[in-house]
Amino acid sequence: MFAGAAWIFLDRANRVGYNTDEGQAVWPSQYFQFVFLDRQLSGPVWQENYWTLTQVPVYRYIIGAGIWLGGQPFMPLDLTYRTDEVSGPDRAKYLDARTYDDERKLAEQRRVPRPPPATLSAARVPMALLGAATAAMLFVLGCEVAGIVAGLVAASGFVAAPFVLTLMPRAHTEAAVVTGVARSS
């Protein structure tokens, strides 16, 4: 089940379109380098900045591992990115719900550099594999609850869902979250 789902998700990872949120996930993946390669556990990269205060760390380590294992360079992280949101004089406006009335404008303000194709591809590999692991866990869970047919239906339904085929292979947080939820079941 894992191998079949991995084949599907890895194939989709090469074909699914780029989403600007992936840039928000790939760019801070340099924290993998800071923690695991450079053993840099303090200093300027850990001070209050957009990446340390607004982004969940686990998925960036997973994506960073994919980039590193794929032999791709990390995108140099800009620690001054969006400082107005975390420490600027008008920080309070980001706590006001009206700031988010125009999501498109906010998304444009938060745009980050697009990763090179090879870096993006390497970043997507671990997420595709996490999606495959989720399918395998759903198969096992279905088998335990109602037999092999239920396991096949659960895993196949998951892998065939258009939403899953779009999000699981992308370098986003979703694959890590869904795998964590499936694992806790």
C-alpha atoms as a PDB file:
ATOM      1  CA  MET A   1       0.000   0.000   0.000  1.00  0.00           C
ATOM      2  CA  PHE A   2       2.808   2.399   0.925  1.00  0.00           C
ATOM      3  CA  ALA A   3       4.701   1.760  -2.318  1.00  0.00           C
ATOM      4  CA  GLY A   4       1.640   2.288  -4.497  1.00  0.00           C
ATOM      5  CA  ALA A   5       0.611   5.475  -2.702  1.00  0.00           C
ATOM      6  CA  ALA A   6       4.211   6.741  -2.788  1.00  0.00           C
ATOM      7  CA  TRP A   7       4.369   6.174  -6.537  1.00  0.00           C
ATOM      8  CA  ILE A   8       1.136   8.161  -7.016  1.00  0.00           C
ATOM      9  CA  PHE A   9       2.087  11.028  -4.696  1.00  0.00           C
ATOM     10  CA  LEU A  10       5.656  11.321  -6.028  1.00  0.00           C
ATOM     11  CA  ASP A  11       4.286  11.441  -9.565  1.00  0.00           C
ATOM     12  CA  ARG A  12       1.811  14.137  -8.502  1.00  0.00           C
ATOM     13  CA  ALA A  13       4.597  16.082  -6.784  1.00  0.00           C
ATOM     14  CA  ASN A  14       6.197  16.534 -10.198  1.00  0.00           C
ATOM     15  CA  ARG A  15       2.951  17.634 -11.827  1.00  0.00           C
ATOM     16  CA  VAL A  16       0.988  19.653  -9.270  1.00  0.00           C
ATOM     17  CA  GLY A  17       1.169  23.421  -9.699  1.00  0.00           C
ATOM     18  CA  TYR A  18       3.171  25.724  -7.465  1.00  0.00           C
ATOM     19  CA  ASN A  19       1.330  27.434  -4.642  1.00  0.00           C
ATOM     20  CA  THR A  20       2.738  30.601  -3.073  1.00  0.00           C
ATOM     21  CA  ASP A  21       2.250  29.068   0.374  1.00  0.00           C
ATOM     22  CA  GLU A  22       4.943  26.564  -0.565  1.00  0.00           C
ATOM     23  CA  GLY A  23       7.428  29.429  -0.666  1.00  0.00           C
ATOM     24  CA  GLN A  24       6.427  30.233   2.922  1.00  0.00           C
ATOM     25  CA  ALA A  25       7.277  26.623   3.797  1.00  0.00           C
ATOM     26  CA  VAL A  26      10.452  26.178   1.735  1.00  0.00           C
ATOM     27  CA  TRP A  27      12.134  29.448   2.652  1.00  0.00           C
ATOM     28  CA  PRO A  28      12.316  28.816   6.426  1.00  0.00           C
ATOM     29  CA  SER A  29      13.420  25.220   5.857  1.00  0.00           C
ATOM     30  CA  GLN A  30      16.927  26.603   6.272  1.00  0.00           C
ATOM     31  CA  TYR A  31      16.216  26.102   9.985  1.00  0.00           C
ATOM     32  CA  PHE A  32      16.987  22.422   9.290  1.00  0.00           C
ATOM     33  CA  GLN A  33      20.504  23.538   8.414  1.00  0.00           C
ATOM     34  CA  PHE A  34      20.733  25.768  11.495  1.00  0.00           C
ATOM     35  CA  VAL A  35      19.634  22.984  13.874  1.00  0.00           C
ATOM     36  CA  PHE A  36      20.886  19.722  12.402  1.00  0.00           C
ATOM     37  CA  LEU A  37      23.873  20.649  10.260  1.00  0.00           C
ATOM     38  CA  ASP A  38      25.310  23.766  11.916  1.00  0.00           C
ATOM     39  CA  ARG A  39      24.049  22.956  15.455  1.00  0.00           C
ATOM     40  CA  GLN A  40      23.185  26.623  15.802  1.00  0.00           C
ATOM     41  CA  LEU A  41      20.658  26.556  18.648  1.00  0.00           C
ATOM     42  CA  SER A  42      20.913  30.205  19.640  1.00  0.00           C
ATOM     43  CA  GLY A  43      21.873  33.509  18.142  1.00  0.00           C
ATOM     44  CA  PRO A  44      20.302  35.914  15.668  1.00  0.00           C
ATOM     45  CA  VAL A  45      18.327  33.264  13.757  1.00  0.00           C
ATOM     46  CA  TRP A  46      16.418  32.412  16.958  1.00  0.00           C
ATOM     47  CA  GLN A  47      15.588  35.937  18.017  1.00  0.00           C
ATOM     48  CA  GLU A  48      12.082  37.298  17.496  1.00  0.00           C
ATOM     49  CA  ASN A  49      11.381  37.324  13.773  1.00  0.00           C
ATOM     50  CA  TYR A  50       8.579  36.324  11.438  1.00  0.00           C
ATOM     51  CA  TRP A  51       9.887  32.784  11.083  1.00  0.00           C
ATOM     52  CA  THR A  52      10.287  32.037  14.795  1.00  0.00           C
ATOM     53  CA  LEU A  53       7.006  33.634  15.900  1.00  0.00           C
ATOM     54  CA  THR A  54       4.565  32.736  13.134  1.00  0.00           C
ATOM     55  CA  GLN A  55       5.677  29.426  11.643  1.00  0.00           C
ATOM     56  CA  VAL A  56       5.384  25.940  13.142  1.00  0.00           C
ATOM     57  CA  PRO A  57       8.908  24.437  13.264  1.00  0.00           C
ATOM     58  CA  VAL A  58       8.418  20.691  12.652  1.00  0.00           C
ATOM     59  CA  TYR A  59       7.358  20.803   9.007  1.00  0.00           C
ATOM     60  CA  ARG A  60      10.258  23.094   8.091  1.00  0.00           C
ATOM     61  CA  TYR A  61      12.683  20.482   9.449  1.00  0.00           C
ATOM     62  CA  ILE A  62      10.971  17.791   7.349  1.00  0.00           C
ATOM     63  CA  ILE A  63      11.089  19.937   4.222  1.00  0.00           C
ATOM     64  CA  GLY A  64      14.680  20.940   5.017  1.00  0.00           C
ATOM     65  CA  ALA A  65      15.663  17.289   5.314  1.00  0.00           C
ATOM     66  CA  GLY A  66      14.210  16.672   1.855  1.00  0.00           C
ATOM     67  CA  ILE A  67      16.139  19.591   0.386  1.00  0.00           C
ATOM     68  CA  TRP A  68      19.369  18.480   2.060  1.00  0.00           C
ATOM     69  CA  LEU A  69      18.956  14.810   1.085  1.00  0.00           C
ATOM     70  CA  GLY A  70      18.132  15.946  -2.457  1.00  0.00           C
ATOM     71  CA  GLY A  71      21.467  17.757  -2.571  1.00  0.00           C
ATOM     72  CA  GLN A  72      19.850  21.132  -3.159  1.00  0.00           C
ATOM     73  CA  PRO A  73      20.939  24.426  -1.597  1.00  0.00           C
ATOM     74  CA  PHE A  74      18.790  26.133   0.994  1.00  0.00           C
ATOM     75  CA  MET A  75      17.328  29.491   0.065  1.00  0.00           C
ATOM     76  CA  PRO A  76      19.096  32.184   2.141  1.00  0.00           C
ATOM     77  CA  LEU A  77      16.682  33.225   4.857  1.00  0.00           C
ATOM     78  CA  ASP A  78      15.814  36.897   5.290  1.00  0.00           C
ATOM     79  CA  LEU A  79      15.510  37.458   9.042  1.00  0.00           C
ATOM     80  CA  THR A  80      14.130  40.958   8.491  1.00  0.00           C
ATOM     81  CA  TYR A  81      11.159  39.644   6.480  1.00  0.00           C
ATOM     82  CA  ARG A  82       7.839  41.047   7.748  1.00  0.00           C
ATOM     83  CA  THR A  83       9.339  42.558  10.908  1.00  0.00           C
ATOM     84  CA  ASP A  84       6.369  44.923  11.076  1.00  0.00           C
ATOM     85  CA  GLU A  85       4.145  41.927  11.908  1.00  0.00           C
ATOM     86  CA  VAL A  86       6.198  40.745  14.854  1.00  0.00           C
ATOM     87  CA  SER A  87       7.970  43.748  16.302  1.00  0.00           C
ATOM     88  CA  GLY A  88       7.167  46.896  14.321  1.00  0.00           C
ATOM     89  CA  PRO A  89       5.403  49.952  15.702  1.00  0.00           C
ATOM     90  CA  ASP A  90       2.151  49.036  13.920  1.00  0.00           C
ATOM     91  CA  ARG A  91       2.193  45.385  15.022  1.00  0.00           C
ATOM     92  CA  ALA A  92      -1.192  45.838  16.722  1.00  0.00           C
ATOM     93  CA  LYS A  93      -2.925  46.114  13.347  1.00  0.00           C
ATOM     94  CA  TYR A  94      -2.135  42.445  12.710  1.00  0.00           C
ATOM     95  CA  LEU A  95      -4.156  41.534  15.791  1.00  0.00           C
ATOM     96  CA  ASP A  96      -7.175  43.388  14.380  1.00  0.00           C
ATOM     97  CA  ALA A  97      -9.499  41.138  12.341  1.00  0.00           C
ATOM     98  CA  ARG A  98     -10.169  43.952   9.843  1.00  0.00           C
ATOM     99  CA  THR A  99      -6.566  43.631   8.653  1.00  0.00           C
ATOM    100  CA  TYR A 100      -7.554  40.295   7.112  1.00  0.00           C
ATOM    101  CA  ASP A 101     -10.600  41.573   5.195  1.00  0.00           C
ATOM    102  CA  ASP A 102      -8.559  41.674   2.000  1.00  0.00           C
ATOM    103  CA  GLU A 103      -6.762  38.317   2.034  1.00  0.00           C
ATOM    104  CA  ARG A 104      -5.453  38.811  -1.495  1.00  0.00           C
ATOM    105  CA  LYS A 105      -3.675  42.051  -0.544  1.00  0.00           C
ATOM    106  CA  LEU A 106      -2.204  40.424   2.566  1.00  0.00           C
ATOM    107  CA  ALA A 107      -1.030  37.429   0.534  1.00  0.00           C
ATOM    108  CA  GLU A 108       0.713  39.771  -1.918  1.00  0.00           C
ATOM    109  CA  GLN A 109       2.476  41.489   0.979  1.00  0.00           C
ATOM    110  CA  ARG A 110       3.627  38.120   2.292  1.00  0.00           C
ATOM    111  CA  ARG A 111       4.916  36.837  -1.042  1.00  0.00           C
ATOM    112  CA  VAL A 112       8.344  35.242  -0.808  1.00  0.00           C
ATOM    113  CA  PRO A 113      10.839  34.303  -3.535  1.00  0.00           C
ATOM    114  CA  ARG A 114       9.819  31.257  -5.538  1.00  0.00           C
ATOM    115  CA  PRO A 115      12.150  28.312  -4.912  1.00  0.00           C
ATOM    116  CA  PRO A 116      14.173  27.013  -7.861  1.00  0.00           C
ATOM    117  CA  PRO A 117      12.487  23.969  -9.488  1.00  0.00           C
ATOM    118  CA  ALA A 118      15.047  21.456  -8.170  1.00  0.00           C
ATOM    119  CA  THR A 119      14.736  22.806  -4.604  1.00  0.00           C
ATOM    120  CA  LEU A 120      10.939  22.719  -4.778  1.00  0.00           C
ATOM    121  CA  SER A 121      11.017  19.177  -6.107  1.00  0.00           C
ATOM    122  CA  ALA A 122      13.317  18.034  -3.286  1.00  0.00           C
ATOM    123  CA  ALA A 123      11.109  19.793  -0.724  1.00  0.00           C
ATOM    124  CA  ARG A 124       8.035  17.943  -1.972  1.00  0.00           C
ATOM    125  CA  VAL A 125       9.515  14.437  -1.670  1.00  0.00           C
ATOM    126  CA  PRO A 126       9.154  14.034   2.119  1.00  0.00           C
ATOM    127  CA  MET A 127       5.600  15.377   2.002  1.00  0.00           C
ATOM    128  CA  ALA A 128       4.645  12.908  -0.725  1.00  0.00           C
ATOM    129  CA  LEU A 129       6.145  10.109   1.380  1.00  0.00           C
ATOM    130  CA  LEU A 130       4.207  11.287   4.434  1.00  0.00           C
ATOM    131  CA  GLY A 131       1.041  11.153   2.321  1.00  0.00           C
ATOM    132  CA  ALA A 132       1.921   7.574   1.373  1.00  0.00           C
ATOM    133  CA  ALA A 133       2.515   6.718   5.029  1.00  0.00           C
ATOM    134  CA  THR A 134      -0.933   8.102   5.840  1.00  0.00           C
ATOM    135  CA  ALA A 135      -2.503   5.890   3.161  1.00  0.00           C
ATOM    136  CA  ALA A 136      -0.701   2.867   4.635  1.00  0.00           C
ATOM    137  CA  MET A 137      -1.899   3.746   8.139  1.00  0.00           C
ATOM    138  CA  LEU A 138      -5.481   4.114   6.890  1.00  0.00           C
ATOM    139  CA  PHE A 139      -5.178   0.702   5.244  1.00  0.00           C
ATOM    140  CA  VAL A 140      -4.010  -0.897   8.498  1.00  0.00           C
ATOM    141  CA  LEU A 141      -6.674   0.914  10.520  1.00  0.00           C
ATOM    142  CA  GLY A 142      -9.408  -0.142   8.093  1.00  0.00           C
ATOM    143  CA  CYS A 143      -8.182  -3.743   8.192  1.00  0.00           C
ATOM    144  CA  GLU A 144      -8.206  -3.784  11.981  1.00  0.00           C
ATOM    145  CA  VAL A 145     -11.684  -2.303  12.236  1.00  0.00           C
ATOM    146  CA  ALA A 146     -13.560  -4.064   9.432  1.00  0.00           C
ATOM    147  CA  GLY A 147     -11.254  -6.266   7.353  1.00  0.00           C
ATOM    148  CA  ILE A 148      -9.085  -5.988   4.270  1.00  0.00           C
ATOM    149  CA  VAL A 149     -11.819  -4.605   2.019  1.00  0.00           C
ATOM    150  CA  ALA A 150     -12.399  -1.725   4.430  1.00  0.00           C
ATOM    151  CA  GLY A 151      -8.660  -1.091   4.542  1.00  0.00           C
ATOM    152  CA  LEU A 152      -8.471  -0.963   0.766  1.00  0.00           C
ATOM    153  CA  VAL A 153     -11.481   1.356   0.577  1.00  0.00           C
ATOM    154  CA  ALA A 154     -10.057   3.699   3.231  1.00  0.00           C
ATOM    155  CA  ALA A 155      -6.608   3.919   1.651  1.00  0.00           C
ATOM    156  CA  SER A 156      -7.876   4.099  -1.930  1.00  0.00           C
ATOM    157  CA  GLY A 157     -10.461   6.734  -1.042  1.00  0.00           C
ATOM    158  CA  PHE A 158      -7.785   8.827   0.606  1.00  0.00           C
ATOM    159  CA  VAL A 159      -5.316   8.544  -2.280  1.00  0.00           C
ATOM    160  CA  ALA A 160      -7.984   9.169  -4.939  1.00  0.00           C
ATOM    161  CA  ALA A 161      -9.459  12.310  -3.336  1.00  0.00           C
ATOM    162  CA  PRO A 162      -8.677  15.353  -5.534  1.00  0.00           C
ATOM    163  CA  PHE A 163      -7.991  17.529  -2.494  1.00  0.00           C
ATOM    164  CA  VAL A 164      -5.481  14.972  -1.196  1.00  0.00           C
ATOM    165  CA  LEU A 165      -3.847  14.572  -4.614  1.00  0.00           C
ATOM    166  CA  THR A 166      -3.304  18.326  -4.695  1.00  0.00           C
ATOM    167  CA  LEU A 167      -2.157  19.022  -1.137  1.00  0.00           C
ATOM    168  CA  MET A 168      -0.255  15.933   0.006  1.00  0.00           C
ATOM    169  CA  PRO A 169       2.571  16.242  -2.540  1.00  0.00           C
ATOM    170  CA  ARG A 170       3.072  19.974  -1.992  1.00  0.00           C
ATOM    171  CA  ALA A 171       5.648  21.405   0.390  1.00  0.00           C
ATOM    172  CA  HIS A 172       3.039  22.480   2.963  1.00  0.00           C
ATOM    173  CA  THR A 173       2.226  21.593   6.535  1.00  0.00           C
ATOM    174  CA  GLU A 174      -0.799  19.486   5.558  1.00  0.00           C
ATOM    175  CA  ALA A 175       1.017  16.197   4.925  1.00  0.00           C
ATOM    176  CA  ALA A 176       2.745  16.310   8.301  1.00  0.00           C
ATOM    177  CA  VAL A 177      -0.490  17.218  10.112  1.00  0.00           C
ATOM    178  CA  VAL A 178      -2.603  14.562   8.389  1.00  0.00           C
ATOM    179  CA  THR A 179       0.034  11.897   9.021  1.00  0.00           C
ATOM    180  CA  GLY A 180       0.176  12.904  12.694  1.00  0.00           C
ATOM    181  CA  VAL A 181      -3.602  12.680  13.016  1.00  0.00           C
ATOM    182  CA  ALA A 182      -3.702   9.291  11.283  1.00  0.00           C
ATOM    183  CA  ARG A 183      -0.914   8.024  13.521  1.00  0.00           C
ATOM    184  CA  SER A 184      -2.768   9.064  16.667  1.00  0.00           C
ATOM    185  CA  SER A 185      -5.881   7.106  15.614  1.00  0.00           C
END
